[in-house]
Amino acid sequence: MNKRIFRAGLVACLLSAASTLALSPAVAADSGVKVSPAVGKLLGPAQKLLQAKDYAGALALIKQAQAVPDQTPTDTYEINDFLANAALGLADYATADAAYEPMAES
């Protein structure tokens, strides 16, 4: 029971932080995080779509990035970050929660 309460609190904090950052994954990109070239080709345009608030278009690119084989742990983390931000923009909180959980566990 305590684990569920802790997880719920953690997810609430992550959702709050994401909304505070105005749904912009640019913070991660500006921090010098390097993703593989195949994932970067998809997340770059997805980032621009997120900034333009085209969450559905970004989600399509993010789903393609999820299908890229041989992802590094950094790739997976960044894809989940983008996925959570797009899901929040679409008010799909279940998907955002599902994306934030592996990020919190990493």
PDB file of N, CA and C in Angstrom:
ATOM      1  N   MET A   1       0.823  -1.190   0.000  1.00  0.00           N
ATOM      2  CA  MET A   1       0.000   0.000   0.000  1.00  0.00           C
ATOM      3  C   MET A   1       0.870   1.258   0.000  1.00  0.00           C
ATOM      4  N   ASN A   2       1.938   1.250   0.807  1.00  0.00           N
ATOM      5  CA  ASN A   2       2.806   2.422   0.866  1.00  0.00           C
ATOM      6  C   ASN A   2       3.502   2.666  -0.465  1.00  0.00           C
ATOM      7  N   LYS A   3       3.830   1.571  -1.179  1.00  0.00           N
ATOM      8  CA  LYS A   3       4.480   1.722  -2.473  1.00  0.00           C
ATOM      9  C   LYS A   3       3.550   2.407  -3.461  1.00  0.00           C
ATOM     10  N   ARG A   4       2.267   2.074  -3.436  1.00  0.00           N
ATOM     11  CA  ARG A   4       1.306   2.711  -4.338  1.00  0.00           C
ATOM     12  C   ARG A   4       1.139   4.187  -4.004  1.00  0.00           C
ATOM     13  N   ILE A   5       1.133   4.521  -2.725  1.00  0.00           N
ATOM     14  CA  ILE A   5       1.003   5.923  -2.314  1.00  0.00           C
ATOM     15  C   ILE A   5       2.233   6.705  -2.756  1.00  0.00           C
ATOM     16  N   PHE A   6       3.413   6.105  -2.560  1.00  0.00           N
ATOM     17  CA  PHE A   6       4.650   6.763  -2.972  1.00  0.00           C
ATOM     18  C   PHE A   6       4.662   6.973  -4.483  1.00  0.00           C
ATOM     19  N   ARG A   7       4.293   5.924  -5.240  1.00  0.00           N
ATOM     20  CA  ARG A   7       4.282   6.024  -6.698  1.00  0.00           C
ATOM     21  C   ARG A   7       3.295   7.094  -7.157  1.00  0.00           C
ATOM     22  N   ALA A   8       2.121   7.143  -6.536  1.00  0.00           N
ATOM     23  CA  ALA A   8       1.122   8.144  -6.907  1.00  0.00           C
ATOM     24  C   ALA A   8       1.654   9.556  -6.641  1.00  0.00           C
ATOM     25  N   GLY A   9       2.322   9.724  -5.508  1.00  0.00           N
ATOM     26  CA  GLY A   9       2.903  11.030  -5.193  1.00  0.00           C
ATOM     27  C   GLY A   9       3.997  11.413  -6.169  1.00  0.00           C
ATOM     28  N   LEU A  10       4.819  10.423  -6.542  1.00  0.00           N
ATOM     29  CA  LEU A  10       5.898  10.677  -7.491  1.00  0.00           C
ATOM     30  C   LEU A  10       5.339  11.060  -8.856  1.00  0.00           C
ATOM     31  N   VAL A  11       4.327  10.344  -9.299  1.00  0.00           N
ATOM     32  CA  VAL A  11       3.710  10.656 -10.586  1.00  0.00           C
ATOM     33  C   VAL A  11       3.081  12.042 -10.550  1.00  0.00           C
ATOM     34  N   ALA A  12       2.440  12.380  -9.437  1.00  0.00           N
ATOM     35  CA  ALA A  12       1.842  13.710  -9.313  1.00  0.00           C
ATOM     36  C   ALA A  12       2.918  14.798  -9.406  1.00  0.00           C
ATOM     37  N   CYS A  13       4.053  14.561  -8.767  1.00  0.00           N
ATOM     38  CA  CYS A  13       5.151  15.532  -8.826  1.00  0.00           C
ATOM     39  C   CYS A  13       5.691  15.664 -10.245  1.00  0.00           C
ATOM     40  N   LEU A  14       5.843  14.528 -10.929  1.00  0.00           N
ATOM     41  CA  LEU A  14       6.352  14.572 -12.295  1.00  0.00           C
ATOM     42  C   LEU A  14       5.380  15.281 -13.227  1.00  0.00           C
ATOM     43  N   LEU A  15       4.091  15.019 -13.057  1.00  0.00           N
ATOM     44  CA  LEU A  15       3.093  15.703 -13.884  1.00  0.00           C
ATOM     45  C   LEU A  15       3.110  17.202 -13.621  1.00  0.00           C
ATOM     46  N   SER A  16       3.277  17.565 -12.366  1.00  0.00           N
ATOM     47  CA  SER A  16       3.343  18.978 -12.006  1.00  0.00           C
ATOM     48  C   SER A  16       4.576  19.629 -12.630  1.00  0.00           C
ATOM     49  N   ALA A  17       5.701  18.923 -12.553  1.00  0.00           N
ATOM     50  CA  ALA A  17       6.936  19.475 -13.126  1.00  0.00           C
ATOM     51  C   ALA A  17       6.807  19.642 -14.633  1.00  0.00           C
ATOM     52  N   ALA A  18       6.184  18.679 -15.283  1.00  0.00           N
ATOM     53  CA  ALA A  18       6.023  18.768 -16.736  1.00  0.00           C
ATOM     54  C   ALA A  18       5.146  19.949 -17.117  1.00  0.00           C
ATOM     55  N   SER A  19       4.091  20.153 -16.372  1.00  0.00           N
ATOM     56  CA  SER A  19       3.220  21.278 -16.707  1.00  0.00           C
ATOM     57  C   SER A  19       3.906  22.605 -16.390  1.00  0.00           C
ATOM     58  N   THR A  20       4.762  22.620 -15.386  1.00  0.00           N
ATOM     59  CA  THR A  20       5.506  23.826 -15.049  1.00  0.00           C
ATOM     60  C   THR A  20       6.477  24.189 -16.165  1.00  0.00           C
ATOM     61  N   LEU A  21       7.020  23.174 -16.824  1.00  0.00           N
ATOM     62  CA  LEU A  21       7.961  23.418 -17.902  1.00  0.00           C
ATOM     63  C   LEU A  21       7.251  23.706 -19.220  1.00  0.00           C
ATOM     64  N   ALA A  22       5.947  23.926 -19.148  1.00  0.00           N
ATOM     65  CA  ALA A  22       5.133  24.286 -20.319  1.00  0.00           C
ATOM     66  C   ALA A  22       5.209  23.232 -21.407  1.00  0.00           C
ATOM     67  N   LEU A  23       5.298  21.977 -20.994  1.00  0.00           N
ATOM     68  CA  LEU A  23       5.309  20.853 -21.917  1.00  0.00           C
ATOM     69  C   LEU A  23       6.431  20.945 -22.934  1.00  0.00           C
ATOM     70  N   SER A  24       7.546  21.490 -22.555  1.00  0.00           N
ATOM     71  CA  SER A  24       8.640  21.663 -23.497  1.00  0.00           C
ATOM     72  C   SER A  24       9.779  20.702 -23.203  1.00  0.00           C
ATOM     73  N   PRO A  25       9.993  19.720 -24.084  1.00  0.00           N
ATOM     74  CA  PRO A  25      11.134  18.834 -23.902  1.00  0.00           C
ATOM     75  C   PRO A  25      12.446  19.490 -24.298  1.00  0.00           C
ATOM     76  N   ALA A  26      12.399  20.757 -24.670  1.00  0.00           N
ATOM     77  CA  ALA A  26      13.617  21.462 -25.046  1.00  0.00           C
ATOM     78  C   ALA A  26      14.605  21.518 -23.895  1.00  0.00           C
ATOM     79  N   VAL A  27      14.109  21.467 -22.669  1.00  0.00           N
ATOM     80  CA  VAL A  27      15.000  21.485 -21.509  1.00  0.00           C
ATOM     81  C   VAL A  27      15.944  20.307 -21.572  1.00  0.00           C
ATOM     82  N   ALA A  28      15.432  19.125 -21.914  1.00  0.00           N
ATOM     83  CA  ALA A  28      16.277  17.942 -22.019  1.00  0.00           C
ATOM     84  C   ALA A  28      17.268  18.094 -23.167  1.00  0.00           C
ATOM     85  N   ALA A  29      16.828  18.631 -24.283  1.00  0.00           N
ATOM     86  CA  ALA A  29      17.708  18.787 -25.431  1.00  0.00           C
ATOM     87  C   ALA A  29      18.800  19.802 -25.144  1.00  0.00           C
ATOM     88  N   ASP A  30      18.487  20.850 -24.406  1.00  0.00           N
ATOM     89  CA  ASP A  30      19.466  21.878 -24.098  1.00  0.00           C
ATOM     90  C   ASP A  30      20.479  21.435 -23.052  1.00  0.00           C
ATOM     91  N   SER A  31      20.196  20.350 -22.342  1.00  0.00           N
ATOM     92  CA  SER A  31      21.093  19.919 -21.278  1.00  0.00           C
ATOM     93  C   SER A  31      22.273  19.115 -21.813  1.00  0.00           C
ATOM     94  N   GLY A  32      22.348  18.914 -23.121  1.00  0.00           N
ATOM     95  CA  GLY A  32      23.472  18.196 -23.698  1.00  0.00           C
ATOM     96  C   GLY A  32      23.262  16.697 -23.762  1.00  0.00           C
ATOM     97  N   VAL A  33      22.055  16.219 -23.533  1.00  0.00           N
ATOM     98  CA  VAL A  33      21.764  14.801 -23.600  1.00  0.00           C
ATOM     99  C   VAL A  33      21.870  14.355 -25.058  1.00  0.00           C
ATOM    100  N   LYS A  34      22.586  13.265 -25.302  1.00  0.00           N
ATOM    101  CA  LYS A  34      22.789  12.778 -26.663  1.00  0.00           C
ATOM    102  C   LYS A  34      21.990  11.492 -26.870  1.00  0.00           C
ATOM    103  N   VAL A  35      21.167  11.493 -27.890  1.00  0.00           N
ATOM    104  CA  VAL A  35      20.448  10.291 -28.279  1.00  0.00           C
ATOM    105  C   VAL A  35      21.087   9.766 -29.561  1.00  0.00           C
ATOM    106  N   SER A  36      20.775   8.523 -29.903  1.00  0.00           N
ATOM    107  CA  SER A  36      21.340   7.940 -31.121  1.00  0.00           C
ATOM    108  C   SER A  36      20.813   8.702 -32.345  1.00  0.00           C
ATOM    109  N   PRO A  37      21.551   8.683 -33.442  1.00  0.00           N
ATOM    110  CA  PRO A  37      21.122   9.437 -34.625  1.00  0.00           C
ATOM    111  C   PRO A  37      19.744   9.034 -35.140  1.00  0.00           C
ATOM    112  N   ALA A  38      19.424   7.745 -35.117  1.00  0.00           N
ATOM    113  CA  ALA A  38      18.123   7.291 -35.629  1.00  0.00           C
ATOM    114  C   ALA A  38      16.979   7.861 -34.798  1.00  0.00           C
ATOM    115  N   VAL A  39      17.158   7.878 -33.489  1.00  0.00           N
ATOM    116  CA  VAL A  39      16.124   8.430 -32.601  1.00  0.00           C
ATOM    117  C   VAL A  39      16.101   9.947 -32.715  1.00  0.00           C
ATOM    118  N   GLY A  40      17.266  10.562 -32.815  1.00  0.00           N
ATOM    119  CA  GLY A  40      17.350  12.018 -32.937  1.00  0.00           C
ATOM    120  C   GLY A  40      16.665  12.554 -34.178  1.00  0.00           C
ATOM    121  N   LYS A  41      16.705  11.786 -35.278  1.00  0.00           N
ATOM    122  CA  LYS A  41      16.038  12.211 -36.516  1.00  0.00           C
ATOM    123  C   LYS A  41      14.532  12.310 -36.336  1.00  0.00           C
ATOM    124  N   LEU A  42      13.991  11.518 -35.427  1.00  0.00           N
ATOM    125  CA  LEU A  42      12.554  11.541 -35.185  1.00  0.00           C
ATOM    126  C   LEU A  42      12.173  12.503 -34.060  1.00  0.00           C
ATOM    127  N   LEU A  43      13.006  12.561 -33.031  1.00  0.00           N
ATOM    128  CA  LEU A  43      12.662  13.425 -31.893  1.00  0.00           C
ATOM    129  C   LEU A  43      12.890  14.900 -32.182  1.00  0.00           C
ATOM    130  N   GLY A  44      13.805  15.225 -33.090  1.00  0.00           N
ATOM    131  CA  GLY A  44      14.025  16.632 -33.455  1.00  0.00           C
ATOM    132  C   GLY A  44      12.763  17.274 -34.015  1.00  0.00           C
ATOM    133  N   PRO A  45      12.183  16.679 -35.063  1.00  0.00           N
ATOM    134  CA  PRO A  45      10.926  17.231 -35.585  1.00  0.00           C
ATOM    135  C   PRO A  45       9.776  17.122 -34.575  1.00  0.00           C
ATOM    136  N   ALA A  46       9.785  16.070 -33.759  1.00  0.00           N
ATOM    137  CA  ALA A  46       8.733  15.923 -32.742  1.00  0.00           C
ATOM    138  C   ALA A  46       8.814  17.070 -31.740  1.00  0.00           C
ATOM    139  N   GLN A  47      10.025  17.481 -31.408  1.00  0.00           N
ATOM    140  CA  GLN A  47      10.202  18.594 -30.479  1.00  0.00           C
ATOM    141  C   GLN A  47       9.608  19.879 -31.054  1.00  0.00           C
ATOM    142  N   LYS A  48       9.834  20.108 -32.339  1.00  0.00           N
ATOM    143  CA  LYS A  48       9.279  21.304 -32.970  1.00  0.00           C
ATOM    144  C   LYS A  48       7.750  21.253 -32.982  1.00  0.00           C
ATOM    145  N   LEU A  49       7.197  20.075 -33.230  1.00  0.00           N
ATOM    146  CA  LEU A  49       5.739  19.938 -33.216  1.00  0.00           C
ATOM    147  C   LEU A  49       5.179  20.158 -31.812  1.00  0.00           C
ATOM    148  N   LEU A  50       5.882  19.657 -30.791  1.00  0.00           N
ATOM    149  CA  LEU A  50       5.432  19.884 -29.414  1.00  0.00           C
ATOM    150  C   LEU A  50       5.453  21.375 -29.083  1.00  0.00           C
ATOM    151  N   GLN A  51       6.487  22.056 -29.518  1.00  0.00           N
ATOM    152  CA  GLN A  51       6.574  23.490 -29.246  1.00  0.00           C
ATOM    153  C   GLN A  51       5.477  24.256 -29.978  1.00  0.00           C
ATOM    154  N   ALA A  52       5.037  23.732 -31.129  1.00  0.00           N
ATOM    155  CA  ALA A  52       3.947  24.347 -31.885  1.00  0.00           C
ATOM    156  C   ALA A  52       2.579  23.864 -31.393  1.00  0.00           C
ATOM    157  N   LYS A  53       2.591  23.031 -30.357  1.00  0.00           N
ATOM    158  CA  LYS A  53       1.380  22.469 -29.738  1.00  0.00           C
ATOM    159  C   LYS A  53       0.608  21.556 -30.686  1.00  0.00           C
ATOM    160  N   ASP A  54       1.323  20.925 -31.617  1.00  0.00           N
ATOM    161  CA  ASP A  54       0.737  19.901 -32.479  1.00  0.00           C
ATOM    162  C   ASP A  54       1.057  18.551 -31.837  1.00  0.00           C
ATOM    163  N   TYR A  55       0.324  18.240 -30.784  1.00  0.00           N
ATOM    164  CA  TYR A  55       0.613  17.061 -29.979  1.00  0.00           C
ATOM    165  C   TYR A  55       0.345  15.764 -30.732  1.00  0.00           C
ATOM    166  N   ALA A  56      -0.684  15.727 -31.558  1.00  0.00           N
ATOM    167  CA  ALA A  56      -0.998  14.516 -32.320  1.00  0.00           C
ATOM    168  C   ALA A  56       0.107  14.213 -33.341  1.00  0.00           C
ATOM    169  N   GLY A  57       0.586  15.241 -34.020  1.00  0.00           N
ATOM    170  CA  GLY A  57       1.675  15.057 -34.976  1.00  0.00           C
ATOM    171  C   GLY A  57       2.950  14.604 -34.295  1.00  0.00           C
ATOM    172  N   ALA A  58       3.231  15.198 -33.150  1.00  0.00           N
ATOM    173  CA  ALA A  58       4.418  14.801 -32.394  1.00  0.00           C
ATOM    174  C   ALA A  58       4.299  13.364 -31.921  1.00  0.00           C
ATOM    175  N   LEU A  59       3.112  12.983 -31.494  1.00  0.00           N
ATOM    176  CA  LEU A  59       2.896  11.627 -30.996  1.00  0.00           C
ATOM    177  C   LEU A  59       3.186  10.597 -32.087  1.00  0.00           C
ATOM    178  N   ALA A  60       2.824  10.886 -33.319  1.00  0.00           N
ATOM    179  CA  ALA A  60       3.096   9.966 -34.423  1.00  0.00           C
ATOM    180  C   ALA A  60       4.601   9.752 -34.591  1.00  0.00           C
ATOM    181  N   LEU A  61       5.389  10.824 -34.511  1.00  0.00           N
ATOM    182  CA  LEU A  61       6.843  10.699 -34.625  1.00  0.00           C
ATOM    183  C   LEU A  61       7.439   9.978 -33.419  1.00  0.00           C
ATOM    184  N   ILE A  62       6.893  10.232 -32.241  1.00  0.00           N
ATOM    185  CA  ILE A  62       7.391   9.590 -31.027  1.00  0.00           C
ATOM    186  C   ILE A  62       7.141   8.087 -31.089  1.00  0.00           C
ATOM    187  N   LYS A  63       5.978   7.694 -31.599  1.00  0.00           N
ATOM    188  CA  LYS A  63       5.674   6.264 -31.758  1.00  0.00           C
ATOM    189  C   LYS A  63       6.666   5.616 -32.727  1.00  0.00           C
ATOM    190  N   GLN A  64       7.057   6.332 -33.778  1.00  0.00           N
ATOM    191  CA  GLN A  64       8.070   5.812 -34.698  1.00  0.00           C
ATOM    192  C   GLN A  64       9.409   5.659 -33.991  1.00  0.00           C
ATOM    193  N   ALA A  65       9.740   6.621 -33.134  1.00  0.00           N
ATOM    194  CA  ALA A  65      11.001   6.545 -32.383  1.00  0.00           C
ATOM    195  C   ALA A  65      10.987   5.349 -31.429  1.00  0.00           C
ATOM    196  N   GLN A  66       9.822   5.034 -30.863  1.00  0.00           N
ATOM    197  CA  GLN A  66       9.726   3.872 -29.988  1.00  0.00           C
ATOM    198  C   GLN A  66      10.038   2.580 -30.734  1.00  0.00           C
ATOM    199  N   ALA A  67       9.776   2.545 -32.030  1.00  0.00           N
ATOM    200  CA  ALA A  67       9.981   1.335 -32.827  1.00  0.00           C
ATOM    201  C   ALA A  67      11.424   1.170 -33.317  1.00  0.00           C
ATOM    202  N   VAL A  68      12.276   2.156 -33.082  1.00  0.00           N
ATOM    203  CA  VAL A  68      13.667   2.070 -33.518  1.00  0.00           C
ATOM    204  C   VAL A  68      14.363   0.959 -32.730  1.00  0.00           C
ATOM    205  N   PRO A  69      15.029   0.028 -33.432  1.00  0.00           N
ATOM    206  CA  PRO A  69      15.720  -1.054 -32.716  1.00  0.00           C
ATOM    207  C   PRO A  69      17.017  -0.578 -32.062  1.00  0.00           C
ATOM    208  N   ASP A  70      17.511  -1.368 -31.141  1.00  0.00           N
ATOM    209  CA  ASP A  70      18.796  -1.129 -30.466  1.00  0.00           C
ATOM    210  C   ASP A  70      18.873   0.240 -29.790  1.00  0.00           C
ATOM    211  N   GLN A  71      17.843   0.572 -29.029  1.00  0.00           N
ATOM    212  CA  GLN A  71      17.834   1.846 -28.308  1.00  0.00           C
ATOM    213  C   GLN A  71      18.775   1.782 -27.109  1.00  0.00           C
ATOM    214  N   THR A  72      19.417   2.894 -26.850  1.00  0.00           N
ATOM    215  CA  THR A  72      20.223   3.020 -25.639  1.00  0.00           C
ATOM    216  C   THR A  72      19.289   3.390 -24.492  1.00  0.00           C
ATOM    217  N   PRO A  73      19.733   3.246 -23.246  1.00  0.00           N
ATOM    218  CA  PRO A  73      18.906   3.687 -22.129  1.00  0.00           C
ATOM    219  C   PRO A  73      18.553   5.178 -22.220  1.00  0.00           C
ATOM    220  N   THR A  74      19.462   5.984 -22.748  1.00  0.00           N
ATOM    221  CA  THR A  74      19.192   7.412 -22.922  1.00  0.00           C
ATOM    222  C   THR A  74      18.097   7.625 -23.960  1.00  0.00           C
ATOM    223  N   ASP A  75      18.150   6.853 -25.044  1.00  0.00           N
ATOM    224  CA  ASP A  75      17.100   6.943 -26.064  1.00  0.00           C
ATOM    225  C   ASP A  75      15.738   6.659 -25.453  1.00  0.00           C
ATOM    226  N   THR A  76      15.655   5.567 -24.716  1.00  0.00           N
ATOM    227  CA  THR A  76      14.389   5.155 -24.116  1.00  0.00           C
ATOM    228  C   THR A  76      13.880   6.219 -23.143  1.00  0.00           C
ATOM    229  N   TYR A  77      14.776   6.769 -22.347  1.00  0.00           N
ATOM    230  CA  TYR A  77      14.393   7.806 -21.384  1.00  0.00           C
ATOM    231  C   TYR A  77      13.837   9.039 -22.103  1.00  0.00           C
ATOM    232  N   GLU A  78      14.527   9.484 -23.134  1.00  0.00           N
ATOM    233  CA  GLU A  78      14.101  10.683 -23.861  1.00  0.00           C
ATOM    234  C   GLU A  78      12.798  10.442 -24.618  1.00  0.00           C
ATOM    235  N   ILE A  79      12.650   9.252 -25.194  1.00  0.00           N
ATOM    236  CA  ILE A  79      11.405   8.924 -25.885  1.00  0.00           C
ATOM    237  C   ILE A  79      10.246   8.970 -24.898  1.00  0.00           C
ATOM    238  N   ASN A  80      10.440   8.403 -23.714  1.00  0.00           N
ATOM    239  CA  ASN A  80       9.388   8.443 -22.693  1.00  0.00           C
ATOM    240  C   ASN A  80       9.090   9.874 -22.255  1.00  0.00           C
ATOM    241  N   ASP A  81      10.115  10.711 -22.186  1.00  0.00           N
ATOM    242  CA  ASP A  81       9.908  12.111 -21.815  1.00  0.00           C
ATOM    243  C   ASP A  81       9.052  12.817 -22.865  1.00  0.00           C
ATOM    244  N   PHE A  82       9.385  12.621 -24.122  1.00  0.00           N
ATOM    245  CA  PHE A  82       8.606  13.221 -25.202  1.00  0.00           C
ATOM    246  C   PHE A  82       7.189  12.673 -25.217  1.00  0.00           C
ATOM    247  N   LEU A  83       7.058  11.349 -25.020  1.00  0.00           N
ATOM    248  CA  LEU A  83       5.743  10.713 -25.015  1.00  0.00           C
ATOM    249  C   LEU A  83       4.874  11.285 -23.901  1.00  0.00           C
ATOM    250  N   ALA A  84       5.445  11.447 -22.724  1.00  0.00           N
ATOM    251  CA  ALA A  84       4.686  11.994 -21.596  1.00  0.00           C
ATOM    252  C   ALA A  84       4.230  13.424 -21.890  1.00  0.00           C
ATOM    253  N   ASN A  85       5.100  14.219 -22.468  1.00  0.00           N
ATOM    254  CA  ASN A  85       4.736  15.602 -22.782  1.00  0.00           C
ATOM    255  C   ASN A  85       3.640  15.675 -23.834  1.00  0.00           C
ATOM    256  N   ALA A  86       3.722  14.833 -24.866  1.00  0.00           N
ATOM    257  CA  ALA A  86       2.680  14.814 -25.891  1.00  0.00           C
ATOM    258  C   ALA A  86       1.361  14.329 -25.294  1.00  0.00           C
ATOM    259  N   ALA A  87       1.429  13.315 -24.454  1.00  0.00           N
ATOM    260  CA  ALA A  87       0.215  12.785 -23.829  1.00  0.00           C
ATOM    261  C   ALA A  87      -0.431  13.828 -22.920  1.00  0.00           C
ATOM    262  N   LEU A  88       0.368  14.571 -22.193  1.00  0.00           N
ATOM    263  CA  LEU A  88      -0.190  15.633 -21.348  1.00  0.00           C
ATOM    264  C   LEU A  88      -0.877  16.690 -22.202  1.00  0.00           C
ATOM    265  N   GLY A  89      -0.279  17.019 -23.331  1.00  0.00           N
ATOM    266  CA  GLY A  89      -0.888  17.995 -24.231  1.00  0.00           C
ATOM    267  C   GLY A  89      -2.225  17.523 -24.782  1.00  0.00           C
ATOM    268  N   LEU A  90      -2.371  16.210 -24.921  1.00  0.00           N
ATOM    269  CA  LEU A  90      -3.621  15.630 -25.406  1.00  0.00           C
ATOM    270  C   LEU A  90      -4.561  15.244 -24.268  1.00  0.00           C
ATOM    271  N   ALA A  91      -4.183  15.569 -23.036  1.00  0.00           N
ATOM    272  CA  ALA A  91      -4.951  15.235 -21.827  1.00  0.00           C
ATOM    273  C   ALA A  91      -5.138  13.727 -21.677  1.00  0.00           C
ATOM    274  N   ASP A  92      -4.153  12.957 -22.133  1.00  0.00           N
ATOM    275  CA  ASP A  92      -4.153  11.497 -21.989  1.00  0.00           C
ATOM    276  C   ASP A  92      -3.256  11.164 -20.802  1.00  0.00           C
ATOM    277  N   TYR A  93      -3.816  11.290 -19.610  1.00  0.00           N
ATOM    278  CA  TYR A  93      -3.030  11.154 -18.391  1.00  0.00           C
ATOM    279  C   TYR A  93      -2.579   9.726 -18.125  1.00  0.00           C
ATOM    280  N   ALA A  94      -3.322   8.741 -18.594  1.00  0.00           N
ATOM    281  CA  ALA A  94      -2.917   7.346 -18.409  1.00  0.00           C
ATOM    282  C   ALA A  94      -1.629   7.061 -19.188  1.00  0.00           C
ATOM    283  N   THR A  95      -1.533   7.568 -20.412  1.00  0.00           N
ATOM    284  CA  THR A  95      -0.323   7.379 -21.210  1.00  0.00           C
ATOM    285  C   THR A  95       0.843   8.141 -20.607  1.00  0.00           C
ATOM    286  N   ALA A  96       0.588   9.345 -20.119  1.00  0.00           N
ATOM    287  CA  ALA A  96       1.649  10.126 -19.477  1.00  0.00           C
ATOM    288  C   ALA A  96       2.171   9.396 -18.245  1.00  0.00           C
ATOM    289  N   ASP A  97       1.257   8.845 -17.453  1.00  0.00           N
ATOM    290  CA  ASP A  97       1.644   8.088 -16.263  1.00  0.00           C
ATOM    291  C   ASP A  97       2.481   6.881 -16.654  1.00  0.00           C
ATOM    292  N   ALA A  98       2.052   6.166 -17.697  1.00  0.00           N
ATOM    293  CA  ALA A  98       2.781   4.985 -18.149  1.00  0.00           C
ATOM    294  C   ALA A  98       4.174   5.349 -18.660  1.00  0.00           C
ATOM    295  N   ALA A  99       4.336   6.529 -19.229  1.00  0.00           N
ATOM    296  CA  ALA A  99       5.643   6.968 -19.718  1.00  0.00           C
ATOM    297  C   ALA A  99       6.534   7.445 -18.574  1.00  0.00           C
ATOM    298  N   TYR A 100       5.945   8.068 -17.565  1.00  0.00           N
ATOM    299  CA  TYR A 100       6.739   8.579 -16.445  1.00  0.00           C
ATOM    300  C   TYR A 100       7.233   7.489 -15.514  1.00  0.00           C
ATOM    301  N   GLU A 101       6.507   6.387 -15.395  1.00  0.00           N
ATOM    302  CA  GLU A 101       6.917   5.338 -14.460  1.00  0.00           C
ATOM    303  C   GLU A 101       8.302   4.766 -14.775  1.00  0.00           C
ATOM    304  N   PRO A 102       8.586   4.349 -16.029  1.00  0.00           N
ATOM    305  CA  PRO A 102       9.938   3.847 -16.276  1.00  0.00           C
ATOM    306  C   PRO A 102      11.016   4.921 -16.107  1.00  0.00           C
ATOM    307  N   MET A 103      10.642   6.179 -16.344  1.00  0.00           N
ATOM    308  CA  MET A 103      11.604   7.261 -16.125  1.00  0.00           C
ATOM    309  C   MET A 103      11.940   7.368 -14.649  1.00  0.00           C
ATOM    310  N   ALA A 104      10.936   7.250 -13.800  1.00  0.00           N
ATOM    311  CA  ALA A 104      11.159   7.340 -12.361  1.00  0.00           C
ATOM    312  C   ALA A 104      11.952   6.163 -11.852  1.00  0.00           C
ATOM    313  N   GLU A 105      11.782   5.006 -12.459  1.00  0.00           N
ATOM    314  CA  GLU A 105      12.484   3.811 -12.014  1.00  0.00           C
ATOM    315  C   GLU A 105      13.918   3.733 -12.540  1.00  0.00           C
ATOM    316  N   SER A 106      14.249   4.550 -13.536  1.00  0.00           N
ATOM    317  CA  SER A 106      15.604   4.467 -14.100  1.00  0.00           C
ATOM    318  C   SER A 106      16.616   5.201 -13.254  1.00  0.00           C
TER     319      SER A 106
END
